[in-house]
């Protein structure tokens, strides 16, 4: 286990909706991670609830939280009704925060923690993930080229065999992702939150 000095519950980060609403999460406070503010997370899940026609909730989706940090996005999805979530993270302090949050919420089923570089861990599965929450390091999210990590990641995703796929990408406001007409995904929404933005891609 990592030293508790690397974790912080003093700057409150809460689950904002669903079964675990108002439960406080531990957040890693060191540089490699960038926990998403509660208000921004709430706005994103309001967008998703509107897309799925389930206001305040989610259908029983298979979710992947990629570059998950302490897991706030994936845990929010589970709280709102997602059936399962795979958490991808390589930083040991963030993984410690994630495991503590899972334990505090009593989450024992429907989760998988995948340790390692998420760009190299192909999101494979028999049926594919239906909702992918993607929060890469800013240096990676700033590369909009076809061969950059984000677009290469999108091109390599496994298509679900029982429905569509959404990818929610957190990126700097100054960056704008335009996919090519032949790409499997298309951008259907983009919202700005101060210096941050979120793009939603649909397959």
C-alpha atoms as a PDB file:
ATOM      1  CA  UNK A   1       0.000   0.000   0.000  1.00  0.00           C
ATOM      2  CA  UNK A   2       1.107   3.544  -0.699  1.00  0.00           C
ATOM      3  CA  UNK A   3       1.529   6.112   2.010  1.00  0.00           C
ATOM      4  CA  UNK A   4      -1.679   7.915   2.978  1.00  0.00           C
ATOM      5  CA  UNK A   5       0.099  11.236   2.370  1.00  0.00           C
ATOM      6  CA  UNK A   6      -0.540  10.646  -1.331  1.00  0.00           C
ATOM      7  CA  UNK A   7      -4.301  10.415  -0.818  1.00  0.00           C
ATOM      8  CA  UNK A   8      -6.751  13.121   0.164  1.00  0.00           C
ATOM      9  CA  UNK A   9     -10.340  13.201   1.322  1.00  0.00           C
ATOM     10  CA  UNK A  10     -10.000  16.775   2.568  1.00  0.00           C
ATOM     11  CA  UNK A  11     -10.790  18.226  -0.849  1.00  0.00           C
ATOM     12  CA  UNK A  12     -14.172  16.564  -1.108  1.00  0.00           C
ATOM     13  CA  UNK A  13     -14.943  14.501  -4.159  1.00  0.00           C
ATOM     14  CA  UNK A  14     -18.348  12.871  -4.043  1.00  0.00           C
ATOM     15  CA  UNK A  15     -20.498  10.622  -6.146  1.00  0.00           C
ATOM     16  CA  UNK A  16     -23.183  12.975  -7.375  1.00  0.00           C
ATOM     17  CA  UNK A  17     -26.020  10.650  -8.386  1.00  0.00           C
ATOM     18  CA  UNK A  18     -27.534   7.206  -8.062  1.00  0.00           C
ATOM     19  CA  UNK A  19     -27.288   4.566  -5.351  1.00  0.00           C
ATOM     20  CA  UNK A  20     -24.119   5.975  -3.782  1.00  0.00           C
ATOM     21  CA  UNK A  21     -25.044   9.627  -4.102  1.00  0.00           C
ATOM     22  CA  UNK A  22     -23.101  11.908  -1.705  1.00  0.00           C
ATOM     23  CA  UNK A  23     -20.610   9.183  -0.761  1.00  0.00           C
ATOM     24  CA  UNK A  24     -17.142  10.717  -0.379  1.00  0.00           C
ATOM     25  CA  UNK A  25     -14.290   9.327  -2.456  1.00  0.00           C
ATOM     26  CA  UNK A  26     -10.569   9.321  -1.750  1.00  0.00           C
ATOM     27  CA  UNK A  27      -8.611  11.143  -4.443  1.00  0.00           C
ATOM     28  CA  UNK A  28      -4.919  10.896  -5.343  1.00  0.00           C
ATOM     29  CA  UNK A  29      -3.336  14.323  -5.013  1.00  0.00           C
ATOM     30  CA  UNK A  30      -0.069  13.929  -6.870  1.00  0.00           C
ATOM     31  CA  UNK A  31       0.714  15.291 -10.338  1.00  0.00           C
ATOM     32  CA  UNK A  32       0.045  12.342 -12.713  1.00  0.00           C
ATOM     33  CA  UNK A  33      -3.689  12.338 -12.026  1.00  0.00           C
ATOM     34  CA  UNK A  34      -6.383  14.948 -12.678  1.00  0.00           C
ATOM     35  CA  UNK A  35      -9.600  14.163 -10.755  1.00  0.00           C
ATOM     36  CA  UNK A  36     -12.649  15.524 -12.542  1.00  0.00           C
ATOM     37  CA  UNK A  37     -14.607  18.141 -10.555  1.00  0.00           C
ATOM     38  CA  UNK A  38     -18.010  17.037  -9.255  1.00  0.00           C
ATOM     39  CA  UNK A  39     -19.925  19.634 -11.280  1.00  0.00           C
ATOM     40  CA  UNK A  40     -18.262  18.586 -14.518  1.00  0.00           C
ATOM     41  CA  UNK A  41     -18.945  14.918 -13.775  1.00  0.00           C
ATOM     42  CA  UNK A  42     -22.577  15.742 -13.015  1.00  0.00           C
ATOM     43  CA  UNK A  43     -22.930  17.588 -16.339  1.00  0.00           C
ATOM     44  CA  UNK A  44     -21.415  14.690 -18.275  1.00  0.00           C
ATOM     45  CA  UNK A  45     -23.775  12.156 -16.736  1.00  0.00           C
ATOM     46  CA  UNK A  46     -26.717  14.453 -17.398  1.00  0.00           C
ATOM     47  CA  UNK A  47     -25.673  14.371 -21.072  1.00  0.00           C
ATOM     48  CA  UNK A  48     -25.441  10.581 -20.967  1.00  0.00           C
ATOM     49  CA  UNK A  49     -28.814  10.249 -19.261  1.00  0.00           C
ATOM     50  CA  UNK A  50     -30.334  12.359 -22.017  1.00  0.00           C
ATOM     51  CA  UNK A  51     -28.654  10.278 -24.727  1.00  0.00           C
ATOM     52  CA  UNK A  52     -29.896   6.992 -23.251  1.00  0.00           C
ATOM     53  CA  UNK A  53     -33.311   8.449 -22.317  1.00  0.00           C
ATOM     54  CA  UNK A  54     -32.697   7.564 -18.659  1.00  0.00           C
ATOM     55  CA  UNK A  55     -32.525  10.937 -16.831  1.00  0.00           C
ATOM     56  CA  UNK A  56     -30.354  10.694 -13.731  1.00  0.00           C
ATOM     57  CA  UNK A  57     -29.426   7.104 -14.483  1.00  0.00           C
ATOM     58  CA  UNK A  58     -27.785   4.764 -16.974  1.00  0.00           C
ATOM     59  CA  UNK A  59     -28.976   1.526 -18.565  1.00  0.00           C
ATOM     60  CA  UNK A  60     -27.126  -1.674 -17.465  1.00  0.00           C
ATOM     61  CA  UNK A  61     -24.127  -0.918 -19.667  1.00  0.00           C
ATOM     62  CA  UNK A  62     -20.677  -2.458 -19.851  1.00  0.00           C
ATOM     63  CA  UNK A  63     -18.354   0.455 -19.022  1.00  0.00           C
ATOM     64  CA  UNK A  64     -14.599   1.011 -19.252  1.00  0.00           C
ATOM     65  CA  UNK A  65     -13.001   3.821 -17.221  1.00  0.00           C
ATOM     66  CA  UNK A  66      -9.671   4.435 -18.979  1.00  0.00           C
ATOM     67  CA  UNK A  67      -6.928   6.373 -17.168  1.00  0.00           C
ATOM     68  CA  UNK A  68      -9.340   6.143 -14.258  1.00  0.00           C
ATOM     69  CA  UNK A  69      -7.281   7.682 -11.446  1.00  0.00           C
ATOM     70  CA  UNK A  70      -9.264   7.073  -8.266  1.00  0.00           C
ATOM     71  CA  UNK A  71     -12.189   5.750 -10.322  1.00  0.00           C
ATOM     72  CA  UNK A  72     -14.696   8.572  -9.855  1.00  0.00           C
ATOM     73  CA  UNK A  73     -16.159   8.326 -13.374  1.00  0.00           C
ATOM     74  CA  UNK A  74     -16.548   4.558 -13.405  1.00  0.00           C
ATOM     75  CA  UNK A  75     -17.955   4.545  -9.873  1.00  0.00           C
ATOM     76  CA  UNK A  76     -20.426   7.254 -10.887  1.00  0.00           C
ATOM     77  CA  UNK A  77     -21.520   5.036 -13.781  1.00  0.00           C
ATOM     78  CA  UNK A  78     -21.993   2.036 -11.489  1.00  0.00           C
ATOM     79  CA  UNK A  79     -23.898   4.170  -8.982  1.00  0.00           C
ATOM     80  CA  UNK A  80     -26.278   5.211 -11.762  1.00  0.00           C
ATOM     81  CA  UNK A  81     -27.030   1.699 -12.983  1.00  0.00           C
ATOM     82  CA  UNK A  82     -24.171   0.450 -15.171  1.00  0.00           C
ATOM     83  CA  UNK A  83     -23.890  -3.337 -15.055  1.00  0.00           C
ATOM     84  CA  UNK A  84     -20.095  -3.516 -14.909  1.00  0.00           C
ATOM     85  CA  UNK A  85     -16.949  -1.446 -15.165  1.00  0.00           C
ATOM     86  CA  UNK A  86     -13.353  -2.165 -16.059  1.00  0.00           C
ATOM     87  CA  UNK A  87     -10.899   0.317 -14.536  1.00  0.00           C
ATOM     88  CA  UNK A  88      -7.633   0.948 -16.403  1.00  0.00           C
ATOM     89  CA  UNK A  89      -4.782   2.678 -14.546  1.00  0.00           C
ATOM     90  CA  UNK A  90      -1.015   2.295 -14.181  1.00  0.00           C
ATOM     91  CA  UNK A  91      -0.082   4.754 -11.433  1.00  0.00           C
ATOM     92  CA  UNK A  92       0.323   2.935  -8.083  1.00  0.00           C
ATOM     93  CA  UNK A  93      -1.007   5.797  -5.943  1.00  0.00           C
ATOM     94  CA  UNK A  94      -4.096   6.165  -8.130  1.00  0.00           C
ATOM     95  CA  UNK A  95      -4.623   2.404  -7.996  1.00  0.00           C
ATOM     96  CA  UNK A  96      -4.430   2.530  -4.198  1.00  0.00           C
ATOM     97  CA  UNK A  97      -7.104   5.259  -4.153  1.00  0.00           C
ATOM     98  CA  UNK A  98      -9.268   3.240  -6.551  1.00  0.00           C
ATOM     99  CA  UNK A  99      -9.060   0.089  -4.446  1.00  0.00           C
ATOM    100  CA  UNK A 100      -9.883   2.038  -1.287  1.00  0.00           C
ATOM    101  CA  UNK A 101     -12.905   3.588  -2.972  1.00  0.00           C
ATOM    102  CA  UNK A 102     -14.120   0.182  -4.181  1.00  0.00           C
ATOM    103  CA  UNK A 103     -13.709  -1.222  -0.659  1.00  0.00           C
ATOM    104  CA  UNK A 104     -15.450   1.743   0.995  1.00  0.00           C
ATOM    105  CA  UNK A 105     -18.453   1.340  -1.307  1.00  0.00           C
ATOM    106  CA  UNK A 106     -18.495  -2.430  -0.860  1.00  0.00           C
ATOM    107  CA  UNK A 107     -18.098  -3.082  -4.588  1.00  0.00           C
ATOM    108  CA  UNK A 108     -17.218  -6.758  -5.049  1.00  0.00           C
ATOM    109  CA  UNK A 109     -18.964  -7.760  -8.274  1.00  0.00           C
ATOM    110  CA  UNK A 110     -19.041  -6.407 -11.798  1.00  0.00           C
ATOM    111  CA  UNK A 111     -15.646  -4.688 -11.593  1.00  0.00           C
ATOM    112  CA  UNK A 112     -12.201  -5.452 -12.955  1.00  0.00           C
ATOM    113  CA  UNK A 113      -9.025  -3.484 -12.243  1.00  0.00           C
ATOM    114  CA  UNK A 114      -6.507  -3.599 -15.090  1.00  0.00           C
ATOM    115  CA  UNK A 115      -3.056  -2.316 -14.150  1.00  0.00           C
ATOM    116  CA  UNK A 116      -0.794  -1.011 -16.903  1.00  0.00           C
ATOM    117  CA  UNK A 117      -0.538   1.478 -19.749  1.00  0.00           C
ATOM    118  CA  UNK A 118      -4.082   1.862 -21.075  1.00  0.00           C
ATOM    119  CA  UNK A 119      -2.835   2.744 -24.569  1.00  0.00           C
ATOM    120  CA  UNK A 120      -1.174  -0.675 -24.706  1.00  0.00           C
ATOM    121  CA  UNK A 121      -3.954  -2.599 -22.968  1.00  0.00           C
ATOM    122  CA  UNK A 122      -6.339  -3.211 -25.858  1.00  0.00           C
ATOM    123  CA  UNK A 123      -9.936  -3.092 -24.643  1.00  0.00           C
ATOM    124  CA  UNK A 124     -10.816  -6.563 -25.820  1.00  0.00           C
ATOM    125  CA  UNK A 125     -13.791  -8.616 -24.762  1.00  0.00           C
ATOM    126  CA  UNK A 126     -16.270 -11.036 -26.186  1.00  0.00           C
ATOM    127  CA  UNK A 127     -18.963  -8.372 -26.463  1.00  0.00           C
ATOM    128  CA  UNK A 128     -17.142  -5.034 -26.351  1.00  0.00           C
ATOM    129  CA  UNK A 129     -17.663  -2.088 -23.995  1.00  0.00           C
ATOM    130  CA  UNK A 130     -20.751   0.041 -24.607  1.00  0.00           C
ATOM    131  CA  UNK A 131     -19.550   3.164 -22.761  1.00  0.00           C
ATOM    132  CA  UNK A 132     -15.904   4.187 -22.572  1.00  0.00           C
ATOM    133  CA  UNK A 133     -14.850   7.024 -20.282  1.00  0.00           C
ATOM    134  CA  UNK A 134     -11.488   8.235 -21.577  1.00  0.00           C
ATOM    135  CA  UNK A 135      -9.430  10.744 -19.572  1.00  0.00           C
ATOM    136  CA  UNK A 136      -5.867  10.568 -20.935  1.00  0.00           C
ATOM    137  CA  UNK A 137      -2.907  12.731 -19.910  1.00  0.00           C
ATOM    138  CA  UNK A 138      -3.193  16.153 -21.522  1.00  0.00           C
ATOM    139  CA  UNK A 139      -0.034  15.661 -23.598  1.00  0.00           C
ATOM    140  CA  UNK A 140      -1.766  12.698 -25.267  1.00  0.00           C
ATOM    141  CA  UNK A 141      -5.166  14.401 -25.541  1.00  0.00           C
ATOM    142  CA  UNK A 142      -3.528  17.300 -27.374  1.00  0.00           C
ATOM    143  CA  UNK A 143      -2.465  15.060 -30.275  1.00  0.00           C
ATOM    144  CA  UNK A 144      -5.351  15.119 -32.769  1.00  0.00           C
ATOM    145  CA  UNK A 145      -3.423  13.479 -35.618  1.00  0.00           C
ATOM    146  CA  UNK A 146      -4.719  10.223 -37.178  1.00  0.00           C
ATOM    147  CA  UNK A 147      -1.696   8.387 -35.778  1.00  0.00           C
ATOM    148  CA  UNK A 148      -1.974   9.986 -32.320  1.00  0.00           C
ATOM    149  CA  UNK A 149      -2.882   7.933 -29.252  1.00  0.00           C
ATOM    150  CA  UNK A 150      -6.538   9.016 -29.039  1.00  0.00           C
ATOM    151  CA  UNK A 151      -7.488   8.340 -32.637  1.00  0.00           C
ATOM    152  CA  UNK A 152      -5.423   5.131 -32.718  1.00  0.00           C
ATOM    153  CA  UNK A 153      -7.259   4.026 -29.575  1.00  0.00           C
ATOM    154  CA  UNK A 154     -10.661   4.748 -31.132  1.00  0.00           C
ATOM    155  CA  UNK A 155      -9.716   2.840 -34.280  1.00  0.00           C
ATOM    156  CA  UNK A 156      -8.742  -0.231 -32.257  1.00  0.00           C
ATOM    157  CA  UNK A 157     -11.854  -0.496 -30.091  1.00  0.00           C
ATOM    158  CA  UNK A 158     -13.933  -3.667 -30.204  1.00  0.00           C
ATOM    159  CA  UNK A 159     -17.471  -3.020 -31.431  1.00  0.00           C
ATOM    160  CA  UNK A 160     -20.243  -4.288 -29.130  1.00  0.00           C
ATOM    161  CA  UNK A 161     -22.287  -7.068 -30.694  1.00  0.00           C
ATOM    162  CA  UNK A 162     -25.496  -5.956 -29.000  1.00  0.00           C
ATOM    163  CA  UNK A 163     -25.744  -2.210 -29.569  1.00  0.00           C
ATOM    164  CA  UNK A 164     -23.819   0.995 -30.109  1.00  0.00           C
ATOM    165  CA  UNK A 165     -20.790   2.410 -28.373  1.00  0.00           C
ATOM    166  CA  UNK A 166     -20.133   5.821 -26.837  1.00  0.00           C
ATOM    167  CA  UNK A 167     -16.726   7.240 -25.994  1.00  0.00           C
ATOM    168  CA  UNK A 168     -16.540  10.242 -23.651  1.00  0.00           C
ATOM    169  CA  UNK A 169     -13.195  12.013 -24.097  1.00  0.00           C
ATOM    170  CA  UNK A 170     -11.930  14.635 -21.619  1.00  0.00           C
ATOM    171  CA  UNK A 171      -9.497  16.992 -23.362  1.00  0.00           C
ATOM    172  CA  UNK A 172      -8.178  20.585 -23.223  1.00  0.00           C
ATOM    173  CA  UNK A 173     -10.561  23.221 -24.527  1.00  0.00           C
ATOM    174  CA  UNK A 174      -8.083  24.426 -27.145  1.00  0.00           C
ATOM    175  CA  UNK A 175      -8.080  20.987 -28.808  1.00  0.00           C
ATOM    176  CA  UNK A 176     -10.720  19.960 -31.339  1.00  0.00           C
ATOM    177  CA  UNK A 177     -11.087  16.399 -32.619  1.00  0.00           C
ATOM    178  CA  UNK A 178     -12.399  16.015 -36.159  1.00  0.00           C
ATOM    179  CA  UNK A 179     -12.609  12.399 -37.262  1.00  0.00           C
ATOM    180  CA  UNK A 180     -12.505  11.339 -40.886  1.00  0.00           C
ATOM    181  CA  UNK A 181     -15.724  10.210 -42.640  1.00  0.00           C
ATOM    182  CA  UNK A 182     -14.380   6.670 -42.865  1.00  0.00           C
ATOM    183  CA  UNK A 183     -13.683   6.351 -39.142  1.00  0.00           C
ATOM    184  CA  UNK A 184     -15.854   3.940 -37.148  1.00  0.00           C
ATOM    185  CA  UNK A 185     -16.846   6.667 -34.668  1.00  0.00           C
ATOM    186  CA  UNK A 186     -18.359  10.107 -35.254  1.00  0.00           C
ATOM    187  CA  UNK A 187     -18.448  13.069 -32.884  1.00  0.00           C
ATOM    188  CA  UNK A 188     -22.012  13.755 -31.768  1.00  0.00           C
ATOM    189  CA  UNK A 189     -21.484  16.338 -29.014  1.00  0.00           C
ATOM    190  CA  UNK A 190     -18.860  18.558 -27.447  1.00  0.00           C
ATOM    191  CA  UNK A 191     -19.146  20.703 -24.324  1.00  0.00           C
ATOM    192  CA  UNK A 192     -16.775  23.236 -22.785  1.00  0.00           C
ATOM    193  CA  UNK A 193     -16.126  23.554 -19.043  1.00  0.00           C
ATOM    194  CA  UNK A 194     -13.720  26.437 -18.474  1.00  0.00           C
ATOM    195  CA  UNK A 195     -10.329  25.324 -19.806  1.00  0.00           C
ATOM    196  CA  UNK A 196     -11.601  21.741 -20.210  1.00  0.00           C
ATOM    197  CA  UNK A 197     -13.865  20.161 -22.787  1.00  0.00           C
ATOM    198  CA  UNK A 198     -15.626  16.857 -23.340  1.00  0.00           C
ATOM    199  CA  UNK A 199     -16.241  15.273 -26.728  1.00  0.00           C
ATOM    200  CA  UNK A 200     -18.654  12.386 -27.196  1.00  0.00           C
ATOM    201  CA  UNK A 201     -18.121   9.929 -30.035  1.00  0.00           C
ATOM    202  CA  UNK A 202     -20.701   7.407 -31.190  1.00  0.00           C
ATOM    203  CA  UNK A 203     -20.256   4.134 -33.028  1.00  0.00           C
END
